Every structure is written in structure tokens, then in C-alpha cells.
Amino acid sequence: MNMSRYLLPIALLVSAPLHAEDEQPPTINSCIIQPESKCPHADLRGADLSNQDMRKMDLAGADLTGANLRHANLDLANLEKANLTGAILTRASLQQANLRLAILSDAQLVAIQGWGLFGQAARLDGANLTAANLEFARLSGAKLQRANLTAANLEMTWLSKADLSHANLTDANLQEGKLNEANLAGATLTGARRHYATFQGTYMEDCLDCPRDWEQ
């Protein structure tokens, strides 16, 4: 009996898992793209990092200008002072990530999961945050001029002293948000939910549908 026709399929079944186990994470400019990897100040400009598992990575000060981070998992990652200018983070997960002092000017952050992220003094001018989930995020002192926050979830988000001048907050959820001393000059809040949000000392000149009668 010719056993070769039976042995070949068995050999393929045995070898298939071995190939999967041998698969190595991508390495870009000496930075290994995998959870908890240490890549401070890495050069990742224009890198394709879509769908990558980057949880708890140390990317402090890294240059991610124009990088593709669609659907990437960056939960608990350290991106402090990182440059993400023009980066694409559509539907990326950034829960409790450290984005303090990071630059995200003109970045695409559509529908990100950013629960509890730390973005104090981050630059998000011109960023697209449509439908972003930023519930309980810390964005005090952040620069959000001209940012698109249409339908964004900003419930219980800290935005004290944030610059939201000319930002679009149409239909945003601002319930219990902290906007004390924020700059809302020229911003649009049409349809925004503002229950229990605080606006102590907030600047509202030329703001559309801002709560100017809010109790001072």
C-alpha cells in the first residue's frame, strides 16, 4: 500500500502550528513591536503599525509622525512627549495610555477608545476626534484648537484650562465634564449634552450654544 498520500496531510498538520510559533514580531529601526517593548525615542516615522499589539510599550519621545496605527492596541502605553503629528489612529485603543505633552496635531483619532487616558498639556490642534471615547480622560491644559470632537464621549473628562477655541463639539457628551477656565472662544456646542458639567471661569466669546447663563 502506498502510504505517502496519507503521511503528507499528517505532516502538514504537524508542521502548521510550528510555523505559527516561530513567527516573530516586526522590528522597525531596532524597535521590537510587541507588548512591553522598550523603544523610547524610536524613529517610527511613517511606519505601518496597524492592528499591532503595543500594550504597555515604552514609546516616550518616539517619532511616530505620519504613522499608521489603525486598530492598534496601545492600552497603558507610554507615549509621553511622543510626536504623532498626522498619525492615523482610527479605532485604536489608548485606554489609560500616557500622552502627556505628546504632539497629535492633525492626527486622525476617529472612534478611538481612550477611556482614562492621560493627555495633560498634549497638542491636539486640528485633530479629528469624531466619535472618540474619552470618558474620564485627563486633558487639562491640552491644546485642542480647531479639533473635531463631533459626537465624542467626554463624560467626566477633565478639560480644565484646555484650549478648545474654534473646536467642533456638536452632539458631544459633556456630562459631568470639567471645563473650568477652558477656552471655548468660537467653539460650537450645538446639541452637546452638558448635564452637571462645570464651566467656572470658562471663556466663551463667539461660542455657539455655550451655556453663558451657567451659574458662576
N, C-alpha and C. Protein backbone atom coordinates (compact mmCIF):
# COMPACT_ATOMS: atom_id res chain seq x y z
N MET A 1 0.84 -1.20 0.00
CA MET A 1 0.00 0.00 0.00
C MET A 1 0.87 1.24 0.00
N ASN A 2 0.50 2.22 -0.82
CA ASN A 2 1.23 3.48 -0.87
C ASN A 2 0.75 4.39 0.25
N MET A 3 1.61 4.57 1.29
CA MET A 3 1.22 5.35 2.47
C MET A 3 1.53 6.84 2.31
N SER A 4 2.22 7.22 1.24
CA SER A 4 2.67 8.62 1.11
C SER A 4 1.49 9.58 1.07
N ARG A 5 0.38 9.15 0.43
CA ARG A 5 -0.75 10.07 0.32
C ARG A 5 -1.42 10.32 1.67
N TYR A 6 -1.21 9.43 2.64
CA TYR A 6 -1.75 9.62 3.99
C TYR A 6 -0.78 10.39 4.87
N LEU A 7 0.51 10.16 4.66
CA LEU A 7 1.53 10.78 5.51
C LEU A 7 1.68 12.26 5.23
N LEU A 8 1.51 12.70 3.97
CA LEU A 8 1.70 14.11 3.62
C LEU A 8 0.72 15.02 4.34
N PRO A 9 -0.59 14.73 4.34
CA PRO A 9 -1.50 15.60 5.08
C PRO A 9 -1.19 15.66 6.57
N ILE A 10 -0.76 14.51 7.16
CA ILE A 10 -0.40 14.48 8.58
C ILE A 10 0.79 15.37 8.84
N ALA A 11 1.78 15.31 7.94
CA ALA A 11 2.98 16.14 8.09
C ALA A 11 2.63 17.62 8.05
N LEU A 12 1.70 17.97 7.16
CA LEU A 12 1.30 19.37 7.06
C LEU A 12 0.59 19.83 8.33
N LEU A 13 -0.25 18.97 8.92
CA LEU A 13 -0.95 19.33 10.14
C LEU A 13 0.02 19.52 11.30
N VAL A 14 1.04 18.68 11.36
CA VAL A 14 2.02 18.76 12.44
C VAL A 14 2.86 20.01 12.30
N SER A 15 3.25 20.36 11.07
CA SER A 15 4.17 21.47 10.86
C SER A 15 3.49 22.83 10.96
N ALA A 16 2.17 22.90 10.70
CA ALA A 16 1.48 24.19 10.69
C ALA A 16 1.60 24.97 11.98
N PRO A 17 1.36 24.36 13.17
CA PRO A 17 1.49 25.12 14.39
C PRO A 17 2.92 25.58 14.66
N LEU A 18 3.89 24.80 14.21
CA LEU A 18 5.29 25.17 14.43
C LEU A 18 5.61 26.47 13.72
N HIS A 19 5.11 26.66 12.52
CA HIS A 19 5.35 27.90 11.79
C HIS A 19 4.74 29.08 12.52
N ALA A 20 3.53 28.86 13.09
CA ALA A 20 2.86 29.95 13.81
C ALA A 20 3.66 30.35 15.03
N GLU A 21 4.23 29.34 15.75
CA GLU A 21 5.01 29.63 16.94
C GLU A 21 6.31 30.34 16.60
N ASP A 22 6.87 30.05 15.43
CA ASP A 22 8.14 30.64 15.03
C ASP A 22 7.98 32.07 14.53
N GLU A 23 6.74 32.53 14.32
CA GLU A 23 6.53 33.87 13.78
C GLU A 23 7.05 34.92 14.74
N GLN A 24 7.87 35.83 14.25
CA GLN A 24 8.50 36.84 15.08
C GLN A 24 7.77 38.17 14.95
N PRO A 25 7.73 38.97 16.05
CA PRO A 25 7.10 40.29 15.95
C PRO A 25 7.93 41.19 15.04
N PRO A 26 7.31 42.15 14.37
CA PRO A 26 8.06 43.03 13.48
C PRO A 26 9.05 43.90 14.25
N THR A 27 10.15 44.21 13.60
CA THR A 27 11.16 45.10 14.19
C THR A 27 11.39 46.25 13.22
N ILE A 28 11.27 47.48 13.72
CA ILE A 28 11.44 48.67 12.89
C ILE A 28 12.48 49.57 13.55
N ASN A 29 13.59 49.78 12.86
CA ASN A 29 14.67 50.62 13.40
C ASN A 29 15.04 50.21 14.83
N SER A 30 15.26 48.92 15.00
CA SER A 30 15.68 48.32 16.27
C SER A 30 14.59 48.29 17.34
N CYS A 31 13.39 48.72 17.00
CA CYS A 31 12.28 48.67 17.96
C CYS A 31 11.43 47.44 17.68
N ILE A 32 11.34 46.54 18.65
CA ILE A 32 10.52 45.34 18.51
C ILE A 32 9.08 45.71 18.85
N ILE A 33 8.18 45.49 17.93
CA ILE A 33 6.78 45.87 18.11
C ILE A 33 6.04 44.73 18.80
N GLN A 34 5.99 44.81 20.11
CA GLN A 34 5.29 43.81 20.91
C GLN A 34 4.99 44.40 22.29
N PRO A 35 4.06 43.82 23.04
CA PRO A 35 3.72 44.37 24.34
C PRO A 35 4.93 44.51 25.26
N GLU A 36 4.98 45.64 25.98
CA GLU A 36 6.00 45.95 26.98
C GLU A 36 7.39 46.18 26.40
N SER A 37 7.49 46.30 25.10
CA SER A 37 8.78 46.59 24.48
C SER A 37 9.26 47.99 24.86
N LYS A 38 10.56 48.16 25.00
CA LYS A 38 11.15 49.43 25.40
C LYS A 38 11.75 50.12 24.16
N CYS A 39 11.08 51.17 23.70
CA CYS A 39 11.53 51.88 22.50
C CYS A 39 11.47 53.40 22.68
N PRO A 40 12.02 53.94 23.77
CA PRO A 40 11.98 55.40 23.91
C PRO A 40 12.77 56.07 22.80
N HIS A 41 12.22 57.17 22.29
CA HIS A 41 12.86 57.97 21.24
C HIS A 41 13.05 57.20 19.93
N ALA A 42 12.29 56.14 19.73
CA ALA A 42 12.40 55.35 18.49
C ALA A 42 11.96 56.17 17.27
N ASP A 43 12.59 55.88 16.14
CA ASP A 43 12.21 56.51 14.88
C ASP A 43 11.23 55.60 14.16
N LEU A 44 9.94 55.94 14.25
CA LEU A 44 8.88 55.13 13.62
C LEU A 44 8.06 55.99 12.66
N ARG A 45 8.71 56.96 12.07
CA ARG A 45 8.03 57.85 11.14
C ARG A 45 7.46 57.08 9.95
N GLY A 46 6.17 57.28 9.70
CA GLY A 46 5.52 56.65 8.55
C GLY A 46 5.39 55.15 8.63
N ALA A 47 5.65 54.56 9.80
CA ALA A 47 5.62 53.10 9.93
C ALA A 47 4.18 52.58 9.86
N ASP A 48 4.01 51.40 9.28
CA ASP A 48 2.71 50.74 9.26
C ASP A 48 2.61 49.86 10.50
N LEU A 49 1.87 50.35 11.49
CA LEU A 49 1.71 49.64 12.76
C LEU A 49 0.24 49.28 12.97
N SER A 50 -0.50 49.22 11.91
CA SER A 50 -1.93 48.91 12.01
C SER A 50 -2.14 47.51 12.59
N ASN A 51 -3.12 47.40 13.47
CA ASN A 51 -3.52 46.13 14.10
C ASN A 51 -2.46 45.52 15.01
N GLN A 52 -1.42 46.26 15.33
CA GLN A 52 -0.36 45.71 16.17
C GLN A 52 -0.74 45.76 17.66
N ASP A 53 -0.28 44.76 18.40
CA ASP A 53 -0.47 44.72 19.86
C ASP A 53 0.72 45.45 20.49
N MET A 54 0.47 46.68 20.97
CA MET A 54 1.53 47.53 21.51
C MET A 54 1.24 47.93 22.96
N ARG A 55 0.52 47.07 23.65
CA ARG A 55 0.17 47.36 25.03
C ARG A 55 1.41 47.52 25.90
N LYS A 56 1.37 48.57 26.74
CA LYS A 56 2.42 48.84 27.73
C LYS A 56 3.79 49.11 27.10
N MET A 57 3.84 49.41 25.80
CA MET A 57 5.12 49.75 25.19
C MET A 57 5.62 51.09 25.70
N ASP A 58 6.93 51.22 25.84
CA ASP A 58 7.52 52.49 26.22
C ASP A 58 7.96 53.20 24.94
N LEU A 59 7.17 54.19 24.53
CA LEU A 59 7.45 54.96 23.32
C LEU A 59 7.63 56.44 23.67
N ALA A 60 8.11 56.70 24.86
CA ALA A 60 8.30 58.09 25.30
C ALA A 60 9.25 58.81 24.35
N GLY A 61 8.83 59.96 23.87
CA GLY A 61 9.68 60.75 22.99
C GLY A 61 9.86 60.16 21.60
N ALA A 62 9.14 59.11 21.26
CA ALA A 62 9.29 58.47 19.94
C ALA A 62 8.71 59.36 18.84
N ASP A 63 9.25 59.22 17.64
CA ASP A 63 8.75 59.97 16.48
C ASP A 63 7.87 59.05 15.65
N LEU A 64 6.55 59.28 15.75
CA LEU A 64 5.57 58.48 15.01
C LEU A 64 4.84 59.36 14.00
N THR A 65 5.52 60.37 13.52
CA THR A 65 4.92 61.29 12.55
C THR A 65 4.38 60.51 11.34
N GLY A 66 3.10 60.69 11.04
CA GLY A 66 2.52 60.05 9.87
C GLY A 66 2.39 58.55 9.94
N ALA A 67 2.58 57.96 11.13
CA ALA A 67 2.49 56.50 11.26
C ALA A 67 1.04 56.02 11.12
N ASN A 68 0.88 54.79 10.65
CA ASN A 68 -0.44 54.17 10.52
C ASN A 68 -0.66 53.26 11.73
N LEU A 69 -1.52 53.71 12.65
CA LEU A 69 -1.80 52.96 13.87
C LEU A 69 -3.27 52.55 13.93
N ARG A 70 -3.90 52.38 12.78
CA ARG A 70 -5.30 51.96 12.75
C ARG A 70 -5.47 50.65 13.53
N HIS A 71 -6.46 50.63 14.41
CA HIS A 71 -6.82 49.43 15.18
C HIS A 71 -5.68 48.92 16.06
N ALA A 72 -4.63 49.69 16.26
CA ALA A 72 -3.55 49.25 17.14
C ALA A 72 -4.02 49.28 18.60
N ASN A 73 -3.47 48.37 19.41
CA ASN A 73 -3.78 48.34 20.84
C ASN A 73 -2.63 48.99 21.59
N LEU A 74 -2.88 50.21 22.10
CA LEU A 74 -1.87 50.97 22.83
C LEU A 74 -2.28 51.19 24.27
N ASP A 75 -3.10 50.29 24.80
CA ASP A 75 -3.54 50.43 26.18
C ASP A 75 -2.33 50.46 27.12
N LEU A 76 -2.33 51.44 28.03
CA LEU A 76 -1.28 51.59 29.05
C LEU A 76 0.10 51.87 28.46
N ALA A 77 0.16 52.23 27.18
CA ALA A 77 1.45 52.54 26.57
C ALA A 77 1.94 53.91 27.06
N ASN A 78 3.25 54.08 27.06
CA ASN A 78 3.85 55.36 27.44
C ASN A 78 4.25 56.12 26.18
N LEU A 79 3.47 57.16 25.86
CA LEU A 79 3.72 57.99 24.68
C LEU A 79 4.02 59.43 25.09
N GLU A 80 4.49 59.59 26.31
CA GLU A 80 4.78 60.95 26.80
C GLU A 80 5.80 61.64 25.89
N LYS A 81 5.44 62.85 25.46
CA LYS A 81 6.28 63.69 24.59
C LYS A 81 6.55 63.06 23.22
N ALA A 82 5.77 62.05 22.86
CA ALA A 82 5.93 61.44 21.52
C ALA A 82 5.35 62.37 20.46
N ASN A 83 5.86 62.26 19.25
CA ASN A 83 5.37 63.07 18.13
C ASN A 83 4.51 62.20 17.22
N LEU A 84 3.20 62.46 17.24
CA LEU A 84 2.26 61.71 16.40
C LEU A 84 1.57 62.65 15.41
N THR A 85 2.28 63.67 14.98
CA THR A 85 1.71 64.62 14.03
C THR A 85 1.23 63.90 12.77
N GLY A 86 -0.03 64.10 12.42
CA GLY A 86 -0.58 63.50 11.21
C GLY A 86 -0.71 61.99 11.26
N ALA A 87 -0.52 61.38 12.42
CA ALA A 87 -0.66 59.92 12.53
C ALA A 87 -2.11 59.50 12.39
N ILE A 88 -2.33 58.27 11.94
CA ILE A 88 -3.67 57.73 11.77
C ILE A 88 -3.91 56.71 12.87
N LEU A 89 -4.82 57.05 13.80
CA LEU A 89 -5.12 56.18 14.93
C LEU A 89 -6.60 55.77 14.94
N THR A 90 -7.22 55.76 13.79
CA THR A 90 -8.63 55.42 13.70
C THR A 90 -8.92 54.07 14.38
N ARG A 91 -9.85 54.11 15.33
CA ARG A 91 -10.29 52.93 16.08
C ARG A 91 -9.16 52.25 16.87
N ALA A 92 -8.11 52.98 17.15
CA ALA A 92 -7.06 52.45 18.02
C ALA A 92 -7.54 52.47 19.46
N SER A 93 -6.95 51.63 20.30
CA SER A 93 -7.28 51.61 21.72
C SER A 93 -6.14 52.25 22.51
N LEU A 94 -6.47 53.30 23.27
CA LEU A 94 -5.48 54.05 24.04
C LEU A 94 -5.92 54.18 25.49
N GLN A 95 -6.57 53.16 26.00
CA GLN A 95 -7.10 53.23 27.35
C GLN A 95 -5.97 53.35 28.38
N GLN A 96 -6.04 54.40 29.19
CA GLN A 96 -5.07 54.69 30.24
C GLN A 96 -3.64 54.86 29.69
N ALA A 97 -3.53 55.18 28.42
CA ALA A 97 -2.21 55.46 27.84
C ALA A 97 -1.72 56.82 28.33
N ASN A 98 -0.40 56.98 28.38
CA ASN A 98 0.21 58.24 28.80
C ASN A 98 0.56 59.06 27.57
N LEU A 99 -0.21 60.13 27.34
CA LEU A 99 0.02 61.02 26.20
C LEU A 99 0.35 62.43 26.68
N ARG A 100 0.87 62.53 27.89
CA ARG A 100 1.21 63.85 28.42
C ARG A 100 2.25 64.52 27.51
N LEU A 101 1.96 65.78 27.16
CA LEU A 101 2.88 66.58 26.35
C LEU A 101 3.15 65.99 24.96
N ALA A 102 2.34 65.02 24.54
CA ALA A 102 2.51 64.44 23.20
C ALA A 102 1.97 65.41 22.15
N ILE A 103 2.47 65.27 20.93
CA ILE A 103 2.02 66.11 19.82
C ILE A 103 1.18 65.25 18.88
N LEU A 104 -0.11 65.61 18.76
CA LEU A 104 -1.02 64.88 17.88
C LEU A 104 -1.71 65.85 16.93
N SER A 105 -1.00 66.87 16.54
CA SER A 105 -1.57 67.87 15.63
C SER A 105 -2.01 67.21 14.32
N ASP A 106 -3.25 67.50 13.90
CA ASP A 106 -3.81 67.00 12.65
C ASP A 106 -3.86 65.47 12.59
N ALA A 107 -3.81 64.81 13.72
CA ALA A 107 -3.89 63.34 13.75
C ALA A 107 -5.34 62.89 13.57
N GLN A 108 -5.50 61.67 13.05
CA GLN A 108 -6.82 61.06 12.88
C GLN A 108 -7.07 60.12 14.07
N LEU A 109 -7.99 60.53 14.94
CA LEU A 109 -8.29 59.75 16.15
C LEU A 109 -9.77 59.38 16.18
N VAL A 110 -10.31 59.08 15.02
CA VAL A 110 -11.74 58.78 14.89
C VAL A 110 -12.08 57.50 15.64
N ALA A 111 -13.09 57.59 16.51
CA ALA A 111 -13.63 56.42 17.23
C ALA A 111 -12.58 55.68 18.05
N ILE A 112 -11.59 56.40 18.58
CA ILE A 112 -10.61 55.73 19.44
C ILE A 112 -11.26 55.36 20.77
N GLN A 113 -10.70 54.36 21.42
CA GLN A 113 -11.08 54.02 22.79
C GLN A 113 -10.02 54.61 23.72
N GLY A 114 -10.38 55.76 24.32
CA GLY A 114 -9.39 56.45 25.15
C GLY A 114 -9.83 56.62 26.58
N TRP A 115 -10.56 55.64 27.12
CA TRP A 115 -11.02 55.74 28.49
C TRP A 115 -9.83 55.97 29.45
N GLY A 116 -9.93 57.03 30.24
CA GLY A 116 -8.94 57.26 31.28
C GLY A 116 -7.54 57.58 30.80
N LEU A 117 -7.38 57.98 29.52
CA LEU A 117 -6.03 58.29 29.06
C LEU A 117 -5.53 59.58 29.72
N PHE A 118 -4.22 59.72 29.79
CA PHE A 118 -3.59 60.88 30.40
C PHE A 118 -3.01 61.75 29.28
N GLY A 119 -3.65 62.90 29.04
CA GLY A 119 -3.20 63.75 27.94
C GLY A 119 -2.99 65.19 28.37
N GLN A 120 -2.56 65.37 29.62
CA GLN A 120 -2.34 66.73 30.10
C GLN A 120 -1.33 67.47 29.23
N ALA A 121 -1.72 68.68 28.82
CA ALA A 121 -0.85 69.56 28.02
C ALA A 121 -0.48 68.96 26.66
N ALA A 122 -1.22 67.97 26.20
CA ALA A 122 -0.97 67.40 24.87
C ALA A 122 -1.45 68.36 23.80
N ARG A 123 -0.84 68.29 22.63
CA ARG A 123 -1.25 69.12 21.49
C ARG A 123 -2.10 68.28 20.54
N LEU A 124 -3.37 68.71 20.42
CA LEU A 124 -4.31 68.02 19.55
C LEU A 124 -4.97 69.01 18.59
N ASP A 125 -4.26 70.08 18.28
CA ASP A 125 -4.82 71.10 17.39
C ASP A 125 -5.09 70.51 16.00
N GLY A 126 -6.30 70.75 15.52
CA GLY A 126 -6.67 70.25 14.20
C GLY A 126 -6.91 68.76 14.13
N ALA A 127 -6.89 68.07 15.27
CA ALA A 127 -7.07 66.61 15.27
C ALA A 127 -8.53 66.25 15.03
N ASN A 128 -8.76 65.11 14.41
CA ASN A 128 -10.10 64.60 14.16
C ASN A 128 -10.43 63.55 15.22
N LEU A 129 -11.29 63.93 16.17
CA LEU A 129 -11.67 63.05 17.27
C LEU A 129 -13.16 62.70 17.20
N THR A 130 -13.69 62.64 16.00
CA THR A 130 -15.09 62.31 15.81
C THR A 130 -15.42 60.96 16.47
N ALA A 131 -16.46 60.96 17.30
CA ALA A 131 -16.94 59.74 17.96
C ALA A 131 -15.89 59.08 18.86
N ALA A 132 -14.89 59.84 19.27
CA ALA A 132 -13.87 59.29 20.17
C ALA A 132 -14.45 59.07 21.56
N ASN A 133 -14.05 57.98 22.21
CA ASN A 133 -14.47 57.74 23.59
C ASN A 133 -13.35 58.20 24.51
N LEU A 134 -13.56 59.37 25.13
CA LEU A 134 -12.57 59.95 26.03
C LEU A 134 -13.13 60.07 27.44
N GLU A 135 -14.03 59.16 27.78
CA GLU A 135 -14.63 59.20 29.10
C GLU A 135 -13.55 59.11 30.19
N PHE A 136 -13.62 60.05 31.13
CA PHE A 136 -12.72 60.10 32.28
C PHE A 136 -11.26 60.36 31.88
N ALA A 137 -11.03 60.84 30.67
CA ALA A 137 -9.66 61.19 30.26
C ALA A 137 -9.20 62.46 30.96
N ARG A 138 -7.89 62.60 31.14
CA ARG A 138 -7.31 63.80 31.73
C ARG A 138 -6.68 64.63 30.62
N LEU A 139 -7.35 65.74 30.29
CA LEU A 139 -6.87 66.58 29.20
C LEU A 139 -6.69 68.03 29.67
N SER A 140 -6.41 68.20 30.94
CA SER A 140 -6.22 69.55 31.47
C SER A 140 -5.06 70.22 30.76
N GLY A 141 -5.29 71.47 30.33
CA GLY A 141 -4.23 72.22 29.67
C GLY A 141 -3.91 71.76 28.27
N ALA A 142 -4.70 70.85 27.71
CA ALA A 142 -4.44 70.36 26.35
C ALA A 142 -4.80 71.42 25.31
N LYS A 143 -4.13 71.36 24.17
CA LYS A 143 -4.38 72.28 23.06
C LYS A 143 -5.25 71.57 22.03
N LEU A 144 -6.51 72.01 21.95
CA LEU A 144 -7.46 71.35 21.06
C LEU A 144 -8.08 72.36 20.09
N GLN A 145 -7.32 73.37 19.72
CA GLN A 145 -7.84 74.37 18.79
C GLN A 145 -8.24 73.70 17.46
N ARG A 146 -9.45 74.05 16.99
CA ARG A 146 -9.97 73.57 15.71
C ARG A 146 -10.15 72.05 15.67
N ALA A 147 -10.09 71.40 16.80
CA ALA A 147 -10.27 69.95 16.83
C ALA A 147 -11.72 69.59 16.53
N ASN A 148 -11.92 68.47 15.86
CA ASN A 148 -13.27 67.98 15.56
C ASN A 148 -13.65 66.93 16.60
N LEU A 149 -14.55 67.31 17.51
CA LEU A 149 -15.00 66.43 18.58
C LEU A 149 -16.48 66.10 18.43
N THR A 150 -16.94 66.08 17.20
CA THR A 150 -18.34 65.77 16.93
C THR A 150 -18.71 64.39 17.49
N ALA A 151 -19.77 64.37 18.30
CA ALA A 151 -20.30 63.11 18.88
C ALA A 151 -19.27 62.39 19.75
N ALA A 152 -18.25 63.10 20.22
CA ALA A 152 -17.26 62.48 21.11
C ALA A 152 -17.85 62.29 22.50
N ASN A 153 -17.41 61.24 23.17
CA ASN A 153 -17.83 60.99 24.55
C ASN A 153 -16.80 61.60 25.50
N LEU A 154 -17.17 62.73 26.12
CA LEU A 154 -16.29 63.44 27.04
C LEU A 154 -16.90 63.44 28.45
N GLU A 155 -17.64 62.40 28.76
CA GLU A 155 -18.26 62.32 30.07
C GLU A 155 -17.21 62.20 31.17
N MET A 156 -17.30 63.09 32.16
CA MET A 156 -16.37 63.13 33.29
C MET A 156 -14.92 63.39 32.86
N THR A 157 -14.75 63.96 31.69
CA THR A 157 -13.40 64.27 31.20
C THR A 157 -12.91 65.58 31.81
N TRP A 158 -11.64 65.60 32.17
CA TRP A 158 -11.03 66.80 32.74
C TRP A 158 -10.46 67.64 31.60
N LEU A 159 -11.07 68.83 31.40
CA LEU A 159 -10.64 69.75 30.34
C LEU A 159 -10.36 71.14 30.92
N SER A 160 -10.07 71.20 32.20
CA SER A 160 -9.80 72.50 32.81
C SER A 160 -8.57 73.14 32.16
N LYS A 161 -8.72 74.42 31.84
CA LYS A 161 -7.66 75.22 31.20
C LYS A 161 -7.26 74.69 29.82
N ALA A 162 -8.08 73.84 29.24
CA ALA A 162 -7.81 73.35 27.88
C ALA A 162 -8.19 74.43 26.87
N ASP A 163 -7.48 74.48 25.76
CA ASP A 163 -7.77 75.43 24.69
C ASP A 163 -8.62 74.73 23.63
N LEU A 164 -9.93 75.02 23.66
CA LEU A 164 -10.87 74.42 22.71
C LEU A 164 -11.40 75.49 21.75
N SER A 165 -10.62 76.51 21.52
CA SER A 165 -11.08 77.58 20.65
C SER A 165 -11.33 77.05 19.23
N HIS A 166 -12.50 77.40 18.71
CA HIS A 166 -12.93 77.00 17.36
C HIS A 166 -13.05 75.48 17.20
N ALA A 167 -13.15 74.77 18.31
CA ALA A 167 -13.36 73.32 18.24
C ALA A 167 -14.83 73.02 17.94
N ASN A 168 -15.07 71.89 17.30
CA ASN A 168 -16.43 71.46 16.98
C ASN A 168 -16.85 70.38 17.97
N LEU A 169 -17.77 70.75 18.87
CA LEU A 169 -18.27 69.82 19.89
C LEU A 169 -19.74 69.49 19.66
N THR A 170 -20.16 69.55 18.41
CA THR A 170 -21.55 69.25 18.06
C THR A 170 -21.93 67.84 18.51
N ASP A 171 -23.03 67.74 19.26
CA ASP A 171 -23.55 66.45 19.73
C ASP A 171 -22.59 65.69 20.64
N ALA A 172 -21.60 66.37 21.19
CA ALA A 172 -20.67 65.71 22.10
C ALA A 172 -21.34 65.47 23.46
N ASN A 173 -20.86 64.48 24.17
CA ASN A 173 -21.35 64.18 25.52
C ASN A 173 -20.40 64.82 26.53
N LEU A 174 -20.84 65.91 27.15
CA LEU A 174 -20.02 66.63 28.12
C LEU A 174 -20.54 66.45 29.54
N GLN A 175 -21.35 65.45 29.76
CA GLN A 175 -21.92 65.26 31.08
C GLN A 175 -20.84 65.11 32.15
N GLU A 176 -20.95 65.91 33.19
CA GLU A 176 -20.01 65.91 34.31
C GLU A 176 -18.58 66.24 33.89
N GLY A 177 -18.44 66.82 32.71
CA GLY A 177 -17.11 67.25 32.27
C GLY A 177 -16.63 68.46 33.06
N LYS A 178 -15.34 68.59 33.22
CA LYS A 178 -14.74 69.69 33.96
C LYS A 178 -14.07 70.63 32.96
N LEU A 179 -14.74 71.76 32.68
CA LEU A 179 -14.23 72.71 31.70
C LEU A 179 -13.90 74.05 32.36
N ASN A 180 -13.56 74.02 33.62
CA ASN A 180 -13.23 75.24 34.34
C ASN A 180 -12.03 75.94 33.72
N GLU A 181 -12.20 77.25 33.46
CA GLU A 181 -11.14 78.09 32.90
C GLU A 181 -10.67 77.63 31.51
N ALA A 182 -11.50 76.84 30.84
CA ALA A 182 -11.17 76.42 29.47
C ALA A 182 -11.45 77.57 28.50
N ASN A 183 -10.87 77.49 27.32
CA ASN A 183 -11.10 78.49 26.28
C ASN A 183 -12.01 77.88 25.22
N LEU A 184 -13.27 78.40 25.16
CA LEU A 184 -14.25 77.91 24.18
C LEU A 184 -14.57 79.00 23.16
N ALA A 185 -13.68 79.94 22.97
CA ALA A 185 -13.92 81.02 22.02
C ALA A 185 -14.12 80.46 20.61
N GLY A 186 -15.24 80.82 20.00
CA GLY A 186 -15.51 80.39 18.63
C GLY A 186 -15.85 78.92 18.49
N ALA A 187 -16.02 78.20 19.61
CA ALA A 187 -16.35 76.78 19.55
C ALA A 187 -17.84 76.58 19.25
N THR A 188 -18.20 75.36 18.88
CA THR A 188 -19.60 75.02 18.61
C THR A 188 -20.03 73.88 19.53
N LEU A 189 -21.09 74.13 20.33
CA LEU A 189 -21.60 73.12 21.26
C LEU A 189 -23.04 72.74 20.93
N THR A 190 -23.46 72.94 19.72
CA THR A 190 -24.83 72.64 19.32
C THR A 190 -25.16 71.16 19.57
N GLY A 191 -26.21 70.92 20.32
CA GLY A 191 -26.64 69.54 20.58
C GLY A 191 -25.82 68.82 21.62
N ALA A 192 -24.83 69.49 22.21
CA ALA A 192 -23.98 68.83 23.21
C ALA A 192 -24.75 68.60 24.51
N ARG A 193 -24.50 67.48 25.16
CA ARG A 193 -25.12 67.18 26.45
C ARG A 193 -24.23 67.76 27.54
N ARG A 194 -24.81 68.65 28.38
CA ARG A 194 -23.99 69.39 29.33
C ARG A 194 -24.43 69.19 30.78
N HIS A 195 -25.23 68.16 31.04
CA HIS A 195 -25.73 67.95 32.39
C HIS A 195 -24.59 67.79 33.40
N TYR A 196 -24.63 68.63 34.43
CA TYR A 196 -23.67 68.58 35.54
C TYR A 196 -22.23 68.92 35.12
N ALA A 197 -22.04 69.39 33.91
CA ALA A 197 -20.70 69.86 33.51
C ALA A 197 -20.42 71.20 34.21
N THR A 198 -19.17 71.49 34.47
CA THR A 198 -18.80 72.75 35.14
C THR A 198 -18.03 73.65 34.18
N PHE A 199 -18.37 74.95 34.23
CA PHE A 199 -17.78 75.94 33.33
C PHE A 199 -17.30 77.16 34.13
N GLN A 200 -16.78 76.93 35.31
CA GLN A 200 -16.34 78.03 36.16
C GLN A 200 -15.20 78.79 35.49
N GLY A 201 -15.42 80.08 35.22
CA GLY A 201 -14.36 80.90 34.63
C GLY A 201 -14.03 80.57 33.19
N THR A 202 -14.91 79.85 32.50
CA THR A 202 -14.66 79.46 31.11
C THR A 202 -14.88 80.64 30.16
N TYR A 203 -13.99 80.79 29.19
CA TYR A 203 -14.08 81.88 28.21
C TYR A 203 -14.94 81.42 27.05
N MET A 204 -16.01 82.18 26.74
CA MET A 204 -17.00 81.72 25.76
C MET A 204 -17.29 82.72 24.65
N GLU A 205 -16.43 83.64 24.38
CA GLU A 205 -16.71 84.64 23.35
C GLU A 205 -16.92 83.98 21.98
N ASP A 206 -18.00 84.38 21.31
CA ASP A 206 -18.35 83.87 19.98
C ASP A 206 -18.58 82.36 19.95
N CYS A 207 -18.82 81.77 21.10
CA CYS A 207 -19.11 80.33 21.15
C CYS A 207 -20.58 80.10 20.82
N LEU A 208 -20.85 79.14 19.95
CA LEU A 208 -22.22 78.82 19.55
C LEU A 208 -22.82 77.80 20.51
N ASP A 209 -23.92 78.20 21.15
CA ASP A 209 -24.66 77.35 22.09
C ASP A 209 -23.87 77.01 23.35
N CYS A 210 -22.96 77.87 23.75
CA CYS A 210 -22.28 77.71 25.02
C CYS A 210 -23.23 78.12 26.15
N PRO A 211 -23.10 77.56 27.34
CA PRO A 211 -24.01 77.89 28.45
C PRO A 211 -23.60 79.18 29.16
N ARG A 212 -23.84 80.31 28.51
CA ARG A 212 -23.42 81.59 29.09
C ARG A 212 -24.16 81.92 30.38
N ASP A 213 -25.30 81.29 30.60
CA ASP A 213 -26.06 81.54 31.82
C ASP A 213 -25.67 80.56 32.93
N TRP A 214 -24.59 79.80 32.67
CA TRP A 214 -24.17 78.84 33.70
C TRP A 214 -23.84 79.57 34.99
N GLU A 215 -24.20 78.99 36.11
CA GLU A 215 -24.02 79.63 37.41
C GLU A 215 -22.52 79.84 37.70
N GLN A 216 -22.16 81.09 37.90
CA GLN A 216 -20.75 81.40 38.16
C GLN A 216 -20.42 81.22 39.64
